[in-house]
């Protein structure tokens, strides 16, 4: 996530679609990183204009709740992926939706 934000910051386009789309199961393995850390990180970048949307995989309710909160902090979308069959359509629709927000 840090690398994605670094890259998004370096390539930031004023007035553009500055968005990270994270595909994850929401079960982060990094030790000693709290949900509060993620809230501050994600909210800070959202204020700067870098949105975060999450494609969520898996069935762990705690992880799903975390992913929903993270995408809300990032002013993006949470989209649960129940089948790989629809991933391409979901990605295209998300980029389109976020590209026209606020215009």
Protein backbone atom coordinates (compact mmCIF):
# COMPACT_ATOMS: atom_id res chain seq x y z
CA UNK A 1 0.00 0.00 0.00
CA UNK A 2 2.85 2.39 0.81
CA UNK A 3 4.47 1.67 -2.55
CA UNK A 4 1.17 2.28 -4.34
CA UNK A 5 0.75 5.63 -2.60
CA UNK A 6 4.35 6.60 -3.40
CA UNK A 7 3.79 5.83 -7.08
CA UNK A 8 0.42 7.59 -7.15
CA UNK A 9 2.03 10.66 -5.57
CA UNK A 10 4.89 10.68 -8.09
CA UNK A 11 2.51 10.33 -11.04
CA UNK A 12 -0.25 12.58 -9.64
CA UNK A 13 -2.33 14.29 -12.35
CA UNK A 14 -4.08 17.46 -11.26
CA UNK A 15 -7.76 17.03 -12.09
CA UNK A 16 -7.12 13.42 -13.12
CA UNK A 17 -8.23 10.04 -11.83
CA UNK A 18 -5.67 9.50 -9.08
CA UNK A 19 -6.85 6.19 -7.72
CA UNK A 20 -5.39 3.06 -6.24
CA UNK A 21 -7.32 -0.15 -6.76
CA UNK A 22 -6.18 -2.71 -4.20
CA UNK A 23 -7.07 -6.37 -4.66
CA UNK A 24 -6.79 -8.19 -1.32
CA UNK A 25 -8.38 -10.63 1.08
CA UNK A 26 -8.03 -7.98 3.79
CA UNK A 27 -5.97 -10.20 6.05
CA UNK A 28 -2.79 -8.15 6.23
CA UNK A 29 0.26 -9.93 7.60
CA UNK A 30 2.21 -6.87 8.71
CA UNK A 31 2.71 -7.04 12.47
CA UNK A 32 2.10 -4.10 14.81
CA UNK A 33 0.17 -2.09 12.21
CA UNK A 34 -3.16 -0.96 13.59
CA UNK A 35 -6.38 -0.12 11.84
CA UNK A 36 -5.86 3.44 13.14
CA UNK A 37 -2.56 3.63 11.24
CA UNK A 38 -4.37 2.63 8.04
CA UNK A 39 -7.15 5.16 8.74
CA UNK A 40 -4.65 8.00 9.08
CA UNK A 41 -2.62 6.92 6.06
CA UNK A 42 -5.58 6.44 3.75
CA UNK A 43 -7.46 9.55 4.91
CA UNK A 44 -4.33 11.66 4.47
CA UNK A 45 -3.94 10.62 0.86
CA UNK A 46 -7.67 10.96 0.13
CA UNK A 47 -7.47 14.60 1.25
CA UNK A 48 -4.61 15.04 -1.25
CA UNK A 49 -6.79 13.61 -4.02
CA UNK A 50 -5.61 9.99 -4.16
CA UNK A 51 -8.59 7.69 -3.77
CA UNK A 52 -8.53 4.06 -2.64
CA UNK A 53 -10.91 1.41 -3.91
CA UNK A 54 -10.70 -2.20 -2.80
CA UNK A 55 -11.58 -5.39 -4.61
CA UNK A 56 -12.19 -7.77 -1.74
CA UNK A 57 -11.76 -11.52 -1.90
CA UNK A 58 -12.48 -14.06 0.80
CA UNK A 59 -15.10 -14.65 3.47
CA UNK A 60 -13.48 -13.49 6.72
CA UNK A 61 -16.07 -11.06 8.16
CA UNK A 62 -13.49 -9.09 10.16
CA UNK A 63 -11.34 -8.64 7.06
CA UNK A 64 -14.36 -7.63 4.97
CA UNK A 65 -15.32 -5.03 7.58
CA UNK A 66 -11.73 -3.68 7.54
CA UNK A 67 -11.73 -3.43 3.73
CA UNK A 68 -15.06 -1.59 3.73
CA UNK A 69 -13.74 0.92 6.27
CA UNK A 70 -10.49 1.38 4.37
CA UNK A 71 -12.27 2.11 1.08
CA UNK A 72 -14.57 4.58 2.88
CA UNK A 73 -11.54 6.36 4.38
CA UNK A 74 -10.08 6.48 0.87
CA UNK A 75 -13.27 7.95 -0.63
CA UNK A 76 -13.42 4.99 -3.00
CA UNK A 77 -15.48 1.85 -3.34
CA UNK A 78 -15.46 -1.56 -1.76
CA UNK A 79 -16.40 -4.27 -4.21
CA UNK A 80 -16.64 -7.86 -3.04
CA UNK A 81 -15.50 -10.32 -5.67
CA UNK A 82 -17.38 -13.57 -5.38
CA UNK A 83 -16.35 -14.93 -8.76
CA UNK A 84 -13.29 -14.38 -10.93
CA UNK A 85 -15.61 -14.36 -13.92
CA UNK A 86 -16.58 -10.70 -13.35
CA UNK A 87 -13.24 -9.14 -12.33
CA UNK A 88 -12.54 -7.45 -15.68
CA UNK A 89 -15.99 -5.84 -15.82
CA UNK A 90 -15.75 -4.72 -12.20
CA UNK A 91 -12.36 -3.06 -12.77
CA UNK A 92 -13.51 -1.25 -15.89
CA UNK A 93 -16.68 -0.01 -14.19
CA UNK A 94 -14.76 1.19 -11.12
CA UNK A 95 -12.27 3.19 -13.16
CA UNK A 96 -15.11 4.73 -15.18
CA UNK A 97 -17.11 5.60 -12.08
CA UNK A 98 -14.19 7.20 -10.26
CA UNK A 99 -13.08 9.09 -13.38
CA UNK A 100 -16.32 11.03 -13.53
CA UNK A 101 -16.79 11.75 -9.83
CA UNK A 102 -16.82 15.43 -9.02
CA UNK A 103 -17.02 16.55 -12.64
